[in-house]
PDB file of N, CA and C in Angstrom:
ATOM      1  N   UNK A   1     180.392 168.973  -6.044  1.00  0.00           N
ATOM      2  CA  UNK A   1     179.515 168.219  -5.187  1.00  0.00           C
ATOM      3  C   UNK A   1     178.895 167.076  -5.987  1.00  0.00           C
ATOM      4  N   UNK A   2     178.750 165.927  -5.371  1.00  0.00           N
ATOM      5  CA  UNK A   2     178.273 164.763  -6.110  1.00  0.00           C
ATOM      6  C   UNK A   2     176.814 164.854  -6.565  1.00  0.00           C
ATOM      7  N   UNK A   3     175.914 165.499  -5.861  1.00  0.00           N
ATOM      8  CA  UNK A   3     174.498 165.478  -6.204  1.00  0.00           C
ATOM      9  C   UNK A   3     174.030 166.672  -7.010  1.00  0.00           C
ATOM     10  N   UNK A   4     174.908 167.596  -7.386  1.00  0.00           N
ATOM     11  CA  UNK A   4     174.467 168.817  -8.063  1.00  0.00           C
ATOM     12  C   UNK A   4     174.879 168.868  -9.523  1.00  0.00           C
ATOM     13  N   UNK A   5     175.283 167.761 -10.097  1.00  0.00           N
ATOM     14  CA  UNK A   5     175.744 167.768 -11.480  1.00  0.00           C
ATOM     15  C   UNK A   5     174.545 167.853 -12.426  1.00  0.00           C
ATOM     16  N   UNK A   6     174.553 168.835 -13.330  1.00  0.00           N
ATOM     17  CA  UNK A   6     173.518 168.997 -14.343  1.00  0.00           C
ATOM     18  C   UNK A   6     174.212 169.002 -15.699  1.00  0.00           C
ATOM     19  N   UNK A   7     173.949 168.007 -16.534  1.00  0.00           N
ATOM     20  CA  UNK A   7     174.627 167.972 -17.837  1.00  0.00           C
ATOM     21  C   UNK A   7     174.210 169.161 -18.700  1.00  0.00           C
ATOM     22  N   UNK A   8     175.187 169.902 -19.178  1.00  0.00           N
ATOM     23  CA  UNK A   8     174.892 171.096 -19.978  1.00  0.00           C
ATOM     24  C   UNK A   8     174.493 170.740 -21.411  1.00  0.00           C
ATOM     25  N   UNK A   9     174.688 169.491 -21.816  1.00  0.00           N
ATOM     26  CA  UNK A   9     174.311 169.092 -23.179  1.00  0.00           C
ATOM     27  C   UNK A   9     172.797 169.080 -23.361  1.00  0.00           C
ATOM     28  N   UNK A  10     172.046 168.945 -22.259  1.00  0.00           N
ATOM     29  CA  UNK A  10     170.588 168.874 -22.343  1.00  0.00           C
ATOM     30  C   UNK A  10     169.920 170.247 -22.292  1.00  0.00           C
ATOM     31  N   UNK A  11     170.689 171.294 -22.038  1.00  0.00           N
ATOM     32  CA  UNK A  11     170.113 172.637 -21.947  1.00  0.00           C
ATOM     33  C   UNK A  11     169.460 173.081 -23.258  1.00  0.00           C
ATOM     34  N   UNK A  12     170.064 172.908 -24.427  1.00  0.00           N
ATOM     35  CA  UNK A  12     169.371 173.298 -25.673  1.00  0.00           C
ATOM     36  C   UNK A  12     168.064 172.521 -25.889  1.00  0.00           C
ATOM     37  N   UNK A  13     168.035 171.263 -25.485  1.00  0.00           N
ATOM     38  CA  UNK A  13     166.812 170.474 -25.626  1.00  0.00           C
ATOM     39  C   UNK A  13     165.727 171.022 -24.712  1.00  0.00           C
ATOM     40  N   UNK A  14     166.102 171.393 -23.500  1.00  0.00           N
ATOM     41  CA  UNK A  14     165.142 171.971 -22.562  1.00  0.00           C
ATOM     42  C   UNK A  14     164.609 173.306 -23.080  1.00  0.00           C
ATOM     43  N   UNK A  15     165.488 174.134 -23.615  1.00  0.00           N
ATOM     44  CA  UNK A  15     165.067 175.422 -24.174  1.00  0.00           C
ATOM     45  C   UNK A  15     164.119 175.196 -25.350  1.00  0.00           C
ATOM     46  N   UNK A  16     164.464 174.279 -26.232  1.00  0.00           N
ATOM     47  CA  UNK A  16     163.608 173.971 -27.376  1.00  0.00           C
ATOM     48  C   UNK A  16     162.251 173.459 -26.921  1.00  0.00           C
ATOM     49  N   UNK A  17     162.221 172.615 -25.904  1.00  0.00           N
ATOM     50  CA  UNK A  17     160.973 172.082 -25.378  1.00  0.00           C
ATOM     51  C   UNK A  17     160.100 173.188 -24.802  1.00  0.00           C
ATOM     52  N   UNK A  18     160.692 174.089 -24.037  1.00  0.00           N
ATOM     53  CA  UNK A  18     159.934 175.190 -23.437  1.00  0.00           C
ATOM     54  C   UNK A  18     159.387 176.111 -24.527  1.00  0.00           C
ATOM     55  N   UNK A  19     160.196 176.442 -25.522  1.00  0.00           N
ATOM     56  CA  UNK A  19     159.745 177.313 -26.617  1.00  0.00           C
ATOM     57  C   UNK A  19     158.625 176.655 -27.414  1.00  0.00           C
ATOM     58  N   UNK A  20     158.755 175.369 -27.705  1.00  0.00           N
ATOM     59  CA  UNK A  20     157.722 174.697 -28.501  1.00  0.00           C
ATOM     60  C   UNK A  20     156.404 174.588 -27.739  1.00  0.00           C
ATOM     61  N   UNK A  21     156.456 174.311 -26.446  1.00  0.00           N
ATOM     62  CA  UNK A  21     155.227 174.261 -25.642  1.00  0.00           C
ATOM     63  C   UNK A  21     154.601 175.647 -25.565  1.00  0.00           C
ATOM     64  N   UNK A  22     155.425 176.671 -25.350  1.00  0.00           N
ATOM     65  CA  UNK A  22     154.907 178.043 -25.282  1.00  0.00           C
ATOM     66  C   UNK A  22     154.293 178.451 -26.625  1.00  0.00           C
ATOM     67  N   UNK A  23     154.911 178.079 -27.722  1.00  0.00           N
ATOM     68  CA  UNK A  23     154.368 178.418 -29.044  1.00  0.00           C
ATOM     69  C   UNK A  23     153.030 177.729 -29.266  1.00  0.00           C
ATOM     70  N   UNK A  24     152.940 176.455 -28.940  1.00  0.00           N
ATOM     71  CA  UNK A  24     151.678 175.730 -29.115  1.00  0.00           C
ATOM     72  C   UNK A  24     150.563 176.290 -28.265  1.00  0.00           C
ATOM     73  N   UNK A  25     150.833 176.513 -26.986  1.00  0.00           N
ATOM     74  CA  UNK A  25     149.820 177.074 -26.102  1.00  0.00           C
ATOM     75  C   UNK A  25     149.471 178.505 -26.493  1.00  0.00           C
ATOM     76  N   UNK A  26     150.447 179.274 -26.926  1.00  0.00           N
ATOM     77  CA  UNK A  26     150.188 180.642 -27.381  1.00  0.00           C
ATOM     78  C   UNK A  26     149.297 180.683 -28.610  1.00  0.00           C
ATOM     79  N   UNK A  27     149.539 179.788 -29.567  1.00  0.00           N
ATOM     80  CA  UNK A  27     148.701 179.728 -30.769  1.00  0.00           C
ATOM     81  C   UNK A  27     147.265 179.354 -30.409  1.00  0.00           C
ATOM     82  N   UNK A  28     147.094 178.400 -29.505  1.00  0.00           N
ATOM     83  CA  UNK A  28     145.747 178.027 -29.067  1.00  0.00           C
ATOM     84  C   UNK A  28     145.064 179.179 -28.344  1.00  0.00           C
ATOM     85  N   UNK A  29     145.788 179.870 -27.490  1.00  0.00           N
ATOM     86  CA  UNK A  29     145.224 180.984 -26.741  1.00  0.00           C
ATOM     87  C   UNK A  29     144.819 182.123 -27.682  1.00  0.00           C
ATOM     88  N   UNK A  30     145.640 182.440 -28.648  1.00  0.00           N
ATOM     89  CA  UNK A  30     145.311 183.489 -29.615  1.00  0.00           C
ATOM     90  C   UNK A  30     144.060 183.105 -30.408  1.00  0.00           C
ATOM     91  N   UNK A  31     143.948 181.834 -30.770  1.00  0.00           N
ATOM     92  CA  UNK A  31     142.755 181.375 -31.480  1.00  0.00           C
ATOM     93  C   UNK A  31     141.500 181.505 -30.649  1.00  0.00           C
ATOM     94  N   UNK A  32     141.587 181.184 -29.368  1.00  0.00           N
ATOM     95  CA  UNK A  32     140.418 181.293 -28.484  1.00  0.00           C
ATOM     96  C   UNK A  32     140.018 182.758 -28.301  1.00  0.00           C
ATOM     97  N   UNK A  33     140.986 183.628 -28.192  1.00  0.00           N
ATOM     98  CA  UNK A  33     140.688 185.040 -27.933  1.00  0.00           C
ATOM     99  C   UNK A  33     140.119 185.742 -29.175  1.00  0.00           C
ATOM    100  N   UNK A  34     140.674 185.510 -30.344  1.00  0.00           N
ATOM    101  CA  UNK A  34     140.335 186.298 -31.518  1.00  0.00           C
ATOM    102  C   UNK A  34     139.366 185.643 -32.502  1.00  0.00           C
ATOM    103  N   UNK A  35     138.940 184.428 -32.270  1.00  0.00           N
ATOM    104  CA  UNK A  35     138.043 183.804 -33.243  1.00  0.00           C
ATOM    105  C   UNK A  35     136.638 184.391 -33.141  1.00  0.00           C
ATOM    106  N   UNK A  36     135.915 184.319 -34.251  1.00  0.00           N
ATOM    107  CA  UNK A  36     134.550 184.823 -34.288  1.00  0.00           C
ATOM    108  C   UNK A  36     133.618 183.792 -33.671  1.00  0.00           C
ATOM    109  N   UNK A  37     132.648 184.287 -32.900  1.00  0.00           N
ATOM    110  CA  UNK A  37     131.666 183.402 -32.279  1.00  0.00           C
ATOM    111  C   UNK A  37     130.287 183.812 -32.766  1.00  0.00           C
ATOM    112  N   UNK A  38     129.835 183.182 -33.835  1.00  0.00           N
ATOM    113  CA  UNK A  38     128.497 183.452 -34.353  1.00  0.00           C
ATOM    114  C   UNK A  38     127.773 182.129 -34.603  1.00  0.00           C
ATOM    115  N   UNK A  39     127.353 181.437 -33.555  1.00  0.00           N
ATOM    116  CA  UNK A  39     126.666 180.166 -33.777  1.00  0.00           C
ATOM    117  C   UNK A  39     125.245 180.384 -34.299  1.00  0.00           C
ATOM    118  N   UNK A  40     124.851 179.549 -35.239  1.00  0.00           N
ATOM    119  CA  UNK A  40     123.479 179.527 -35.735  1.00  0.00           C
ATOM    120  C   UNK A  40     123.131 178.082 -36.062  1.00  0.00           C
ATOM    121  N   UNK A  41     121.865 177.825 -36.355  1.00  0.00           N
ATOM    122  CA  UNK A  41     121.373 176.446 -36.448  1.00  0.00           C
ATOM    123  C   UNK A  41     122.146 175.616 -37.470  1.00  0.00           C
ATOM    124  N   UNK A  42     122.344 176.149 -38.662  1.00  0.00           N
ATOM    125  CA  UNK A  42     123.038 175.388 -39.702  1.00  0.00           C
ATOM    126  C   UNK A  42     124.502 175.143 -39.354  1.00  0.00           C
ATOM    127  N   UNK A  43     125.120 176.089 -38.680  1.00  0.00           N
ATOM    128  CA  UNK A  43     126.532 175.940 -38.321  1.00  0.00           C
ATOM    129  C   UNK A  43     126.735 174.873 -37.247  1.00  0.00           C
ATOM    130  N   UNK A  44     125.774 174.738 -36.349  1.00  0.00           N
ATOM    131  CA  UNK A  44     125.887 173.779 -35.263  1.00  0.00           C
ATOM    132  C   UNK A  44     125.403 172.384 -35.653  1.00  0.00           C
ATOM    133  N   UNK A  45     124.861 172.230 -36.850  1.00  0.00           N
ATOM    134  CA  UNK A  45     124.344 170.942 -37.304  1.00  0.00           C
ATOM    135  C   UNK A  45     125.501 170.023 -37.715  1.00  0.00           C
ATOM    136  N   UNK A  46     125.388 168.720 -37.448  1.00  0.00           N
ATOM    137  CA  UNK A  46     126.432 167.798 -37.914  1.00  0.00           C
ATOM    138  C   UNK A  46     126.545 167.836 -39.436  1.00  0.00           C
ATOM    139  N   UNK A  47     127.746 167.636 -39.931  1.00  0.00           N
ATOM    140  CA  UNK A  47     128.005 167.763 -41.360  1.00  0.00           C
ATOM    141  C   UNK A  47     128.759 166.530 -41.835  1.00  0.00           C
ATOM    142  N   UNK A  48     128.303 165.954 -42.934  1.00  0.00           N
ATOM    143  CA  UNK A  48     128.996 164.789 -43.470  1.00  0.00           C
ATOM    144  C   UNK A  48     128.940 164.809 -44.984  1.00  0.00           C
ATOM    145  N   UNK A  49     130.030 165.131 -45.620  1.00  0.00           N
ATOM    146  CA  UNK A  49     130.181 165.087 -47.074  1.00  0.00           C
ATOM    147  C   UNK A  49     129.156 165.942 -47.803  1.00  0.00           C
ATOM    148  N   UNK A  50     128.727 167.032 -47.231  1.00  0.00           N
ATOM    149  CA  UNK A  50     127.798 167.921 -47.906  1.00  0.00           C
ATOM    150  C   UNK A  50     126.361 167.458 -47.892  1.00  0.00           C
ATOM    151  N   UNK A  51     126.070 166.373 -47.217  1.00  0.00           N
ATOM    152  CA  UNK A  51     124.721 165.819 -47.176  1.00  0.00           C
ATOM    153  C   UNK A  51     124.199 165.956 -45.757  1.00  0.00           C
ATOM    154  N   UNK A  52     122.929 166.375 -45.653  1.00  0.00           N
ATOM    155  CA  UNK A  52     122.330 166.453 -44.325  1.00  0.00           C
ATOM    156  C   UNK A  52     122.252 165.061 -43.724  1.00  0.00           C
ATOM    157  N   UNK A  53     122.632 164.904 -42.455  1.00  0.00           N
ATOM    158  CA  UNK A  53     122.587 163.583 -41.838  1.00  0.00           C
ATOM    159  C   UNK A  53     121.151 163.078 -41.703  1.00  0.00           C
ATOM    160  N   UNK A  54     120.979 161.786 -41.964  1.00  0.00           N
ATOM    161  CA  UNK A  54     119.670 161.158 -41.882  1.00  0.00           C
ATOM    162  C   UNK A  54     119.784 159.954 -40.959  1.00  0.00           C
ATOM    163  N   UNK A  55     118.868 159.790 -40.061  1.00  0.00           N
ATOM    164  CA  UNK A  55     118.864 158.624 -39.183  1.00  0.00           C
ATOM    165  C   UNK A  55     119.694 158.834 -37.940  1.00  0.00           C
ATOM    166  N   UNK A  56     119.830 157.752 -37.208  1.00  0.00           N
ATOM    167  CA  UNK A  56     120.572 157.767 -35.956  1.00  0.00           C
ATOM    168  C   UNK A  56     122.077 157.726 -36.219  1.00  0.00           C
ATOM    169  N   UNK A  57     122.871 158.410 -35.396  1.00  0.00           N
ATOM    170  CA  UNK A  57     124.322 158.372 -35.587  1.00  0.00           C
ATOM    171  C   UNK A  57     124.958 157.064 -35.105  1.00  0.00           C
ATOM    172  N   UNK A  58     124.279 156.330 -34.240  1.00  0.00           N
ATOM    173  CA  UNK A  58     124.844 155.095 -33.700  1.00  0.00           C
ATOM    174  C   UNK A  58     124.248 153.890 -34.405  1.00  0.00           C
ATOM    175  N   UNK A  59     124.616 153.710 -35.658  1.00  0.00           N
ATOM    176  CA  UNK A  59     124.123 152.592 -36.453  1.00  0.00           C
ATOM    177  C   UNK A  59     125.126 151.457 -36.340  1.00  0.00           C
ATOM    178  N   UNK A  60     124.644 150.239 -36.167  1.00  0.00           N
ATOM    179  CA  UNK A  60     125.538 149.084 -36.085  1.00  0.00           C
ATOM    180  C   UNK A  60     125.935 148.654 -37.498  1.00  0.00           C
ATOM    181  N   UNK A  61     127.223 148.437 -37.678  1.00  0.00           N
ATOM    182  CA  UNK A  61     127.740 147.959 -38.947  1.00  0.00           C
ATOM    183  C   UNK A  61     127.937 146.458 -38.877  1.00  0.00           C
ATOM    184  N   UNK A  62     127.840 145.831 -40.020  1.00  0.00           N
ATOM    185  CA  UNK A  62     128.097 144.404 -40.101  1.00  0.00           C
ATOM    186  C   UNK A  62     129.581 144.144 -39.847  1.00  0.00           C
ATOM    187  N   UNK A  63     129.871 143.000 -39.290  1.00  0.00           N
ATOM    188  CA  UNK A  63     131.264 142.631 -39.032  1.00  0.00           C
ATOM    189  C   UNK A  63     132.041 142.488 -40.337  1.00  0.00           C
ATOM    190  N   UNK A  64     131.342 142.220 -41.436  1.00  0.00           N
ATOM    191  CA  UNK A  64     131.993 142.114 -42.749  1.00  0.00           C
ATOM    192  C   UNK A  64     132.722 143.408 -43.107  1.00  0.00           C
ATOM    193  N   UNK A  65     132.133 144.528 -42.735  1.00  0.00           N
ATOM    194  CA  UNK A  65     132.767 145.814 -43.013  1.00  0.00           C
ATOM    195  C   UNK A  65     134.160 145.873 -42.389  1.00  0.00           C
ATOM    196  N   UNK A  66     134.269 145.466 -41.146  1.00  0.00           N
ATOM    197  CA  UNK A  66     135.546 145.521 -40.444  1.00  0.00           C
ATOM    198  C   UNK A  66     136.528 144.483 -40.975  1.00  0.00           C
ATOM    199  N   UNK A  67     136.025 143.308 -41.346  1.00  0.00           N
ATOM    200  CA  UNK A  67     136.904 142.269 -41.893  1.00  0.00           C
ATOM    201  C   UNK A  67     137.506 142.739 -43.213  1.00  0.00           C
ATOM    202  N   UNK A  68     136.679 143.293 -44.083  1.00  0.00           N
ATOM    203  CA  UNK A  68     137.194 143.779 -45.374  1.00  0.00           C
ATOM    204  C   UNK A  68     138.154 144.944 -45.160  1.00  0.00           C
ATOM    205  N   UNK A  69     137.849 145.822 -44.215  1.00  0.00           N
ATOM    206  CA  UNK A  69     138.756 146.934 -43.936  1.00  0.00           C
ATOM    207  C   UNK A  69     140.114 146.424 -43.444  1.00  0.00           C
ATOM    208  N   UNK A  70     140.107 145.434 -42.555  1.00  0.00           N
ATOM    209  CA  UNK A  70     141.375 144.881 -42.055  1.00  0.00           C
ATOM    210  C   UNK A  70     142.141 144.168 -43.157  1.00  0.00           C
ATOM    211  N   UNK A  71     141.441 143.435 -44.004  1.00  0.00           N
ATOM    212  CA  UNK A  71     142.122 142.774 -45.114  1.00  0.00           C
ATOM    213  C   UNK A  71     142.739 143.798 -46.060  1.00  0.00           C
ATOM    214  N   UNK A  72     142.024 144.872 -46.307  1.00  0.00           N
ATOM    215  CA  UNK A  72     142.581 145.924 -47.152  1.00  0.00           C
ATOM    216  C   UNK A  72     143.850 146.495 -46.539  1.00  0.00           C
ATOM    217  N   UNK A  73     143.812 146.794 -45.245  1.00  0.00           N
ATOM    218  CA  UNK A  73     144.989 147.356 -44.586  1.00  0.00           C
ATOM    219  C   UNK A  73     146.156 146.377 -44.641  1.00  0.00           C
ATOM    220  N   UNK A  74     145.895 145.099 -44.363  1.00  0.00           N
ATOM    221  CA  UNK A  74     146.963 144.096 -44.362  1.00  0.00           C
ATOM    222  C   UNK A  74     147.600 143.990 -45.744  1.00  0.00           C
ATOM    223  N   UNK A  75     146.791 143.836 -46.785  1.00  0.00           N
ATOM    224  CA  UNK A  75     147.362 143.669 -48.121  1.00  0.00           C
ATOM    225  C   UNK A  75     147.973 144.970 -48.636  1.00  0.00           C
ATOM    226  N   UNK A  76     147.443 146.104 -48.229  1.00  0.00           N
ATOM    227  CA  UNK A  76     148.005 147.377 -48.643  1.00  0.00           C
ATOM    228  C   UNK A  76     149.372 147.594 -47.999  1.00  0.00           C
ATOM    229  N   UNK A  77     149.492 147.298 -46.713  1.00  0.00           N
ATOM    230  CA  UNK A  77     150.780 147.459 -46.030  1.00  0.00           C
ATOM    231  C   UNK A  77     151.802 146.478 -46.592  1.00  0.00           C
ATOM    232  N   UNK A  78     151.363 145.275 -46.872  1.00  0.00           N
ATOM    233  CA  UNK A  78     152.291 144.294 -47.443  1.00  0.00           C
ATOM    234  C   UNK A  78     152.768 144.728 -48.819  1.00  0.00           C
ATOM    235  N   UNK A  79     151.901 145.354 -49.593  1.00  0.00           N
ATOM    236  CA  UNK A  79     152.309 145.825 -50.918  1.00  0.00           C
ATOM    237  C   UNK A  79     153.344 146.935 -50.830  1.00  0.00           C
ATOM    238  N   UNK A  80     153.343 147.688 -49.739  1.00  0.00           N
ATOM    239  CA  UNK A  80     154.328 148.762 -49.569  1.00  0.00           C
ATOM    240  C   UNK A  80     155.738 148.182 -49.497  1.00  0.00           C
ATOM    241  N   UNK A  81     155.884 146.969 -48.996  1.00  0.00           N
ATOM    242  CA  UNK A  81     157.204 146.349 -48.908  1.00  0.00           C
ATOM    243  C   UNK A  81     157.785 146.020 -50.281  1.00  0.00           C
ATOM    244  N   UNK A  82     156.971 146.020 -51.306  1.00  0.00           N
ATOM    245  CA  UNK A  82     157.470 145.730 -52.651  1.00  0.00           C
ATOM    246  C   UNK A  82     158.218 146.915 -53.264  1.00  0.00           C
ATOM    247  N   UNK A  83     157.901 148.142 -52.878  1.00  0.00           N
ATOM    248  CA  UNK A  83     158.510 149.311 -53.501  1.00  0.00           C
ATOM    249  C   UNK A  83     160.014 149.423 -53.240  1.00  0.00           C
ATOM    250  N   UNK A  84     160.490 149.325 -52.005  1.00  0.00           N
ATOM    251  CA  UNK A  84     161.946 149.406 -51.825  1.00  0.00           C
ATOM    252  C   UNK A  84     162.677 148.272 -52.532  1.00  0.00           C
ATOM    253  N   UNK A  85     162.053 147.114 -52.557  1.00  0.00           N
ATOM    254  CA  UNK A  85     162.650 145.973 -53.246  1.00  0.00           C
ATOM    255  C   UNK A  85     162.757 146.254 -54.745  1.00  0.00           C
ATOM    256  N   UNK A  86     161.721 146.861 -55.322  1.00  0.00           N
ATOM    257  CA  UNK A  86     161.737 147.158 -56.759  1.00  0.00           C
ATOM    258  C   UNK A  86     162.769 148.226 -57.101  1.00  0.00           C
ATOM    259  N   UNK A  87     163.027 149.145 -56.188  1.00  0.00           N
ATOM    260  CA  UNK A  87     163.985 150.215 -56.450  1.00  0.00           C
ATOM    261  C   UNK A  87     165.402 149.665 -56.561  1.00  0.00           C
ATOM    262  N   UNK A  88     165.742 148.692 -55.729  1.00  0.00           N
ATOM    263  CA  UNK A  88     167.105 148.146 -55.730  1.00  0.00           C
ATOM    264  C   UNK A  88     167.153 146.752 -56.353  1.00  0.00           C
ATOM    265  N   UNK A  89     166.197 146.442 -57.203  1.00  0.00           N
ATOM    266  CA  UNK A  89     166.111 145.098 -57.778  1.00  0.00           C
ATOM    267  C   UNK A  89     167.381 144.690 -58.512  1.00  0.00           C
ATOM    268  N   UNK A  90     167.991 145.604 -59.252  1.00  0.00           N
ATOM    269  CA  UNK A  90     169.189 145.249 -60.028  1.00  0.00           C
ATOM    270  C   UNK A  90     170.432 145.047 -59.161  1.00  0.00           C
ATOM    271  N   UNK A  91     170.392 145.458 -57.896  1.00  0.00           N
ATOM    272  CA  UNK A  91     171.566 145.351 -57.026  1.00  0.00           C
ATOM    273  C   UNK A  91     171.474 144.232 -55.997  1.00  0.00           C
ATOM    274  N   UNK A  92     170.337 143.603 -55.829  1.00  0.00           N
ATOM    275  CA  UNK A  92     170.163 142.712 -54.692  1.00  0.00           C
ATOM    276  C   UNK A  92     170.518 141.258 -54.968  1.00  0.00           C
ATOM    277  N   UNK A  93     170.435 140.838 -56.181  1.00  0.00           N
ATOM    278  CA  UNK A  93     170.856 139.484 -56.493  1.00  0.00           C
ATOM    279  C   UNK A  93     169.749 138.449 -56.379  1.00  0.00           C
ATOM    280  N   UNK A  94     170.123 137.207 -56.614  1.00  0.00           N
ATOM    281  CA  UNK A  94     169.176 136.096 -56.677  1.00  0.00           C
ATOM    282  C   UNK A  94     168.591 135.760 -55.305  1.00  0.00           C
ATOM    283  N   UNK A  95     169.372 135.866 -54.249  1.00  0.00           N
ATOM    284  CA  UNK A  95     168.895 135.520 -52.905  1.00  0.00           C
ATOM    285  C   UNK A  95     167.697 136.387 -52.501  1.00  0.00           C
ATOM    286  N   UNK A  96     167.807 137.698 -52.705  1.00  0.00           N
ATOM    287  CA  UNK A  96     166.709 138.600 -52.359  1.00  0.00           C
ATOM    288  C   UNK A  96     165.514 138.383 -53.270  1.00  0.00           C
ATOM    289  N   UNK A  97     165.758 138.005 -54.524  1.00  0.00           N
ATOM    290  CA  UNK A  97     164.660 137.711 -55.439  1.00  0.00           C
ATOM    291  C   UNK A  97     163.862 136.501 -54.938  1.00  0.00           C
ATOM    292  N   UNK A  98     164.557 135.472 -54.503  1.00  0.00           N
ATOM    293  CA  UNK A  98     163.887 134.282 -53.982  1.00  0.00           C
ATOM    294  C   UNK A  98     163.117 134.622 -52.707  1.00  0.00           C
ATOM    295  N   UNK A  99     163.707 135.429 -51.841  1.00  0.00           N
ATOM    296  CA  UNK A  99     163.006 135.847 -50.628  1.00  0.00           C
ATOM    297  C   UNK A  99     161.725 136.604 -50.954  1.00  0.00           C
ATOM    298  N   UNK A 100     161.782 137.480 -51.951  1.00  0.00           N
ATOM    299  CA  UNK A 100     160.587 138.243 -52.314  1.00  0.00           C
ATOM    300  C   UNK A 100     159.537 137.336 -52.941  1.00  0.00           C
ATOM    301  N   UNK A 101     159.943 136.331 -53.674  1.00  0.00           N
ATOM    302  CA  UNK A 101     158.970 135.392 -54.242  1.00  0.00           C
ATOM    303  C   UNK A 101     158.293 134.586 -53.123  1.00  0.00           C
ATOM    304  N   UNK A 102     159.041 134.238 -52.085  1.00  0.00           N
ATOM    305  CA  UNK A 102     158.445 133.560 -50.929  1.00  0.00           C
ATOM    306  C   UNK A 102     157.451 134.493 -50.236  1.00  0.00           C
ATOM    307  N   UNK A 103     157.820 135.746 -50.089  1.00  0.00           N
ATOM    308  CA  UNK A 103     156.932 136.745 -49.476  1.00  0.00           C
ATOM    309  C   UNK A 103     155.649 136.901 -50.287  1.00  0.00           C
ATOM    310  N   UNK A 104     155.762 137.021 -51.586  1.00  0.00           N
ATOM    311  CA  UNK A 104     154.582 137.149 -52.439  1.00  0.00           C
ATOM    312  C   UNK A 104     153.761 135.862 -52.397  1.00  0.00           C
ATOM    313  N   UNK A 105     154.418 134.724 -52.316  1.00  0.00           N
ATOM    314  CA  UNK A 105     153.693 133.458 -52.195  1.00  0.00           C
ATOM    315  C   UNK A 105     152.890 133.402 -50.906  1.00  0.00           C
ATOM    316  N   UNK A 106     153.476 133.888 -49.804  1.00  0.00           N
ATOM    317  CA  UNK A 106     152.735 133.915 -48.542  1.00  0.00           C
ATOM    318  C   UNK A 106     151.539 134.853 -48.636  1.00  0.00           C
ATOM    319  N   UNK A 107     151.701 135.990 -49.303  1.00  0.00           N
ATOM    320  CA  UNK A 107     150.570 136.892 -49.519  1.00  0.00           C
ATOM    321  C   UNK A 107     149.483 136.214 -50.344  1.00  0.00           C
ATOM    322  N   UNK A 108     149.878 135.491 -51.357  1.00  0.00           N
ATOM    323  CA  UNK A 108     148.923 134.787 -52.206  1.00  0.00           C
ATOM    324  C   UNK A 108     148.180 133.713 -51.412  1.00  0.00           C
ATOM    325  N   UNK A 109     148.878 132.999 -50.555  1.00  0.00           N
ATOM    326  CA  UNK A 109     148.224 131.988 -49.707  1.00  0.00           C
ATOM    327  C   UNK A 109     147.199 132.662 -48.784  1.00  0.00           C
ATOM    328  N   UNK A 110     147.555 133.796 -48.196  1.00  0.00           N
ATOM    329  CA  UNK A 110     146.618 134.530 -47.353  1.00  0.00           C
ATOM    330  C   UNK A 110     145.414 135.026 -48.129  1.00  0.00           C
ATOM    331  N   UNK A 111     145.636 135.479 -49.350  1.00  0.00           N
ATOM    332  CA  UNK A 111     144.540 135.954 -50.201  1.00  0.00           C
ATOM    333  C   UNK A 111     143.607 134.804 -50.563  1.00  0.00           C
ATOM    334  N   UNK A 112     144.152 133.656 -50.920  1.00  0.00           N
ATOM    335  CA  UNK A 112     143.329 132.489 -51.255  1.00  0.00           C
ATOM    336  C   UNK A 112     142.554 132.010 -50.036  1.00  0.00           C
ATOM    337  N   UNK A 113     143.183 132.026 -48.878  1.00  0.00           N
ATOM    338  CA  UNK A 113     142.500 131.635 -47.644  1.00  0.00           C
ATOM    339  C   UNK A 113     141.306 132.549 -47.373  1.00  0.00           C
ATOM    340  N   UNK A 114     141.528 133.867 -47.497  1.00  0.00           N
ATOM    341  CA  UNK A 114     140.432 134.811 -47.270  1.00  0.00           C
ATOM    342  C   UNK A 114     139.326 134.627 -48.301  1.00  0.00           C
ATOM    343  N   UNK A 115     139.701 134.331 -49.527  1.00  0.00           N
ATOM    344  CA  UNK A 115     138.706 134.124 -50.586  1.00  0.00           C
ATOM    345  C   UNK A 115     137.868 132.873 -50.294  1.00  0.00           C
ATOM    346  N   UNK A 116     138.529 131.796 -49.879  1.00  0.00           N
ATOM    347  CA  UNK A 116     137.790 130.558 -49.583  1.00  0.00           C
ATOM    348  C   UNK A 116     136.888 130.699 -48.364  1.00  0.00           C
ATOM    349  N   UNK A 117     137.284 131.522 -47.421  1.00  0.00           N
ATOM    350  CA  UNK A 117     136.441 131.781 -46.249  1.00  0.00           C
ATOM    351  C   UNK A 117     135.342 132.790 -46.563  1.00  0.00           C
ATOM    352  N   UNK A 118     135.264 133.218 -47.809  1.00  0.00           N
ATOM    353  CA  UNK A 118     134.285 134.191 -48.304  1.00  0.00           C
ATOM    354  C   UNK A 118     134.321 135.501 -47.532  1.00  0.00           C
ATOM    355  N   UNK A 119     135.526 135.936 -47.223  1.00  0.00           N
ATOM    356  CA  UNK A 119     135.691 137.195 -46.490  1.00  0.00           C
ATOM    357  C   UNK A 119     135.450 138.401 -47.387  1.00  0.00           C
ATOM    358  N   UNK A 120     135.500 138.223 -48.694  1.00  0.00           N
ATOM    359  CA  UNK A 120     135.342 139.351 -49.614  1.00  0.00           C
ATOM    360  C   UNK A 120     133.892 139.541 -50.064  1.00  0.00           C
ATOM    361  N   UNK A 121     132.979 138.660 -49.669  1.00  0.00           N
ATOM    362  CA  UNK A 121     131.575 138.777 -50.088  1.00  0.00           C
ATOM    363  C   UNK A 121     130.879 139.798 -49.213  1.00  0.00           C
ATOM    364  N   UNK A 122     130.183 140.684 -49.872  1.00  0.00           N
ATOM    365  CA  UNK A 122     129.462 141.748 -49.175  1.00  0.00           C
ATOM    366  C   UNK A 122     127.972 141.535 -49.367  1.00  0.00           C
ATOM    367  N   UNK A 123     127.291 141.154 -48.324  1.00  0.00           N
ATOM    368  CA  UNK A 123     125.843 140.893 -48.440  1.00  0.00           C
ATOM    369  C   UNK A 123     125.090 141.563 -47.343  1.00  0.00           C
TER     370      UNK A 123
END
């Protein structure tokens, strides 16, 4: 029949999906049933790095914090691209070397731009 075809290749995937969902939900259910429930004042208190919290939790941060964080992420991710290049440096030849120098030059231009805009100053 034309409308009743079910590909049998997807059956193992369906079985795996059902088992994985059942395992996840089962683990959560077992945790809810068997965990200890002994709340007390110190246990219910917010915790941050071993220090008692002081002040309001909704403190406004300076935009500089976010700018420096984004710059860190950008330059950190860009630096990750250097590792695969360094691993195969002896096999890639002059063309890839020139491309990587252009890439590093673009990073340097971005770093100088951020420095001139005083994005790294924390005041």
